[in-house]
Amino acid sequence: MVVIGGESNSADLNDCWALDLESFLWIKPEIRGQNHFTPKRFHSANTIMKTKVITFGGCHSEYVHLNELVIFDLTNFC
């Protein structure tokens, strides 16, 4: 299971976490180009081809809506 972005203590996040569903351990994969992923919440995240996660939309700070599409390639992580 992969979690990308979100909100913590009223701050928007741009981090990525993966939960190994067999060991129940959280892992933080290294993301290159993370500075191109705007911290956000309320976005959609979907998987394609088993190794890619796509996020779209969301909002940040004062509920400014985003029209941003980002693809995370987890090929080396999976």
Protein backbone atom coordinates (compact mmCIF):
# COMPACT_ATOMS: atom_id res chain seq x y z
CA MET A 1 0.00 0.00 0.00
CA VAL A 2 1.39 3.42 -0.94
CA VAL A 3 0.44 6.72 0.70
CA ILE A 4 1.47 9.97 -1.01
CA GLY A 5 0.94 13.47 0.37
CA GLY A 6 -1.77 14.36 2.83
CA GLU A 7 -2.05 16.63 5.84
CA SER A 8 -0.47 16.62 9.30
CA ASN A 9 -0.92 19.26 11.99
CA SER A 10 -2.45 21.65 9.43
CA ALA A 11 0.56 21.32 7.11
CA ASP A 12 0.39 19.78 3.63
CA LEU A 13 2.76 16.89 2.93
CA ASN A 14 4.70 15.81 -0.16
CA ASP A 15 6.22 12.64 1.24
CA CYS A 16 5.65 9.03 0.20
CA TRP A 17 5.28 5.95 2.41
CA ALA A 18 4.72 2.29 1.59
CA LEU A 19 3.28 -0.35 3.91
CA ASP A 20 4.50 -3.90 3.39
CA LEU A 21 1.25 -5.84 3.83
CA GLU A 22 3.07 -9.03 4.83
CA SER A 23 5.40 -7.64 7.53
CA PHE A 24 3.27 -4.55 8.36
CA LEU A 25 6.40 -2.38 8.28
CA TRP A 26 6.33 1.15 6.91
CA ILE A 27 9.05 1.99 4.38
CA LYS A 28 9.93 5.42 2.98
CA PRO A 29 11.03 4.98 -0.66
CA GLU A 30 13.53 7.48 -2.04
CA ILE A 31 11.85 9.80 -4.53
CA ARG A 32 13.90 11.69 -7.07
CA GLY A 33 12.43 14.99 -8.22
CA GLN A 34 10.29 15.26 -5.10
CA ASN A 35 10.59 19.05 -5.26
CA HIS A 36 8.32 18.88 -8.33
CA PHE A 37 5.49 17.35 -6.26
CA THR A 38 3.56 20.16 -4.60
CA PRO A 39 2.59 19.37 -0.99
CA LYS A 40 -1.13 18.68 -1.14
CA ARG A 41 -4.18 16.95 0.25
CA PHE A 42 -7.50 15.77 -1.18
CA HIS A 43 -5.91 14.49 -4.39
CA SER A 44 -6.55 11.21 -6.12
CA ALA A 45 -3.85 8.53 -6.37
CA ASN A 46 -4.18 5.50 -8.64
CA THR A 47 -1.87 2.70 -9.72
CA ILE A 48 -1.20 1.56 -13.27
CA MET A 49 0.91 -1.29 -14.55
CA LYS A 50 1.64 -2.45 -10.94
CA THR A 51 4.68 -0.18 -10.63
CA LYS A 52 3.38 3.35 -11.25
CA VAL A 53 1.31 5.62 -9.01
CA ILE A 54 -0.41 8.63 -10.56
CA THR A 55 -1.66 11.56 -8.51
CA PHE A 56 -3.94 14.26 -9.83
CA GLY A 57 -5.48 17.43 -8.49
CA GLY A 58 -5.84 18.16 -4.82
CA CYS A 59 -5.45 21.42 -2.99
CA HIS A 60 -2.98 23.09 -0.67
CA SER A 61 -2.72 25.90 1.89
CA GLU A 62 -5.89 27.99 1.72
CA TYR A 63 -7.73 25.36 -0.36
CA VAL A 64 -6.14 26.51 -3.59
CA HIS A 65 -7.11 23.84 -6.12
CA LEU A 66 -4.36 22.27 -8.21
CA ASN A 67 -4.42 20.95 -11.75
CA GLU A 68 -1.25 18.88 -11.32
CA LEU A 69 -0.51 15.39 -12.65
CA VAL A 70 2.48 13.48 -11.25
CA ILE A 71 3.64 9.93 -12.06
CA PHE A 72 5.74 8.02 -9.53
CA ASP A 73 7.66 5.09 -11.02
CA LEU A 74 8.21 2.49 -8.29
CA THR A 75 9.85 -0.10 -10.56
CA ASN A 76 13.07 -0.24 -8.53
CA PHE A 77 11.16 -0.21 -5.26
CA CYS A 78 8.68 -3.05 -5.88
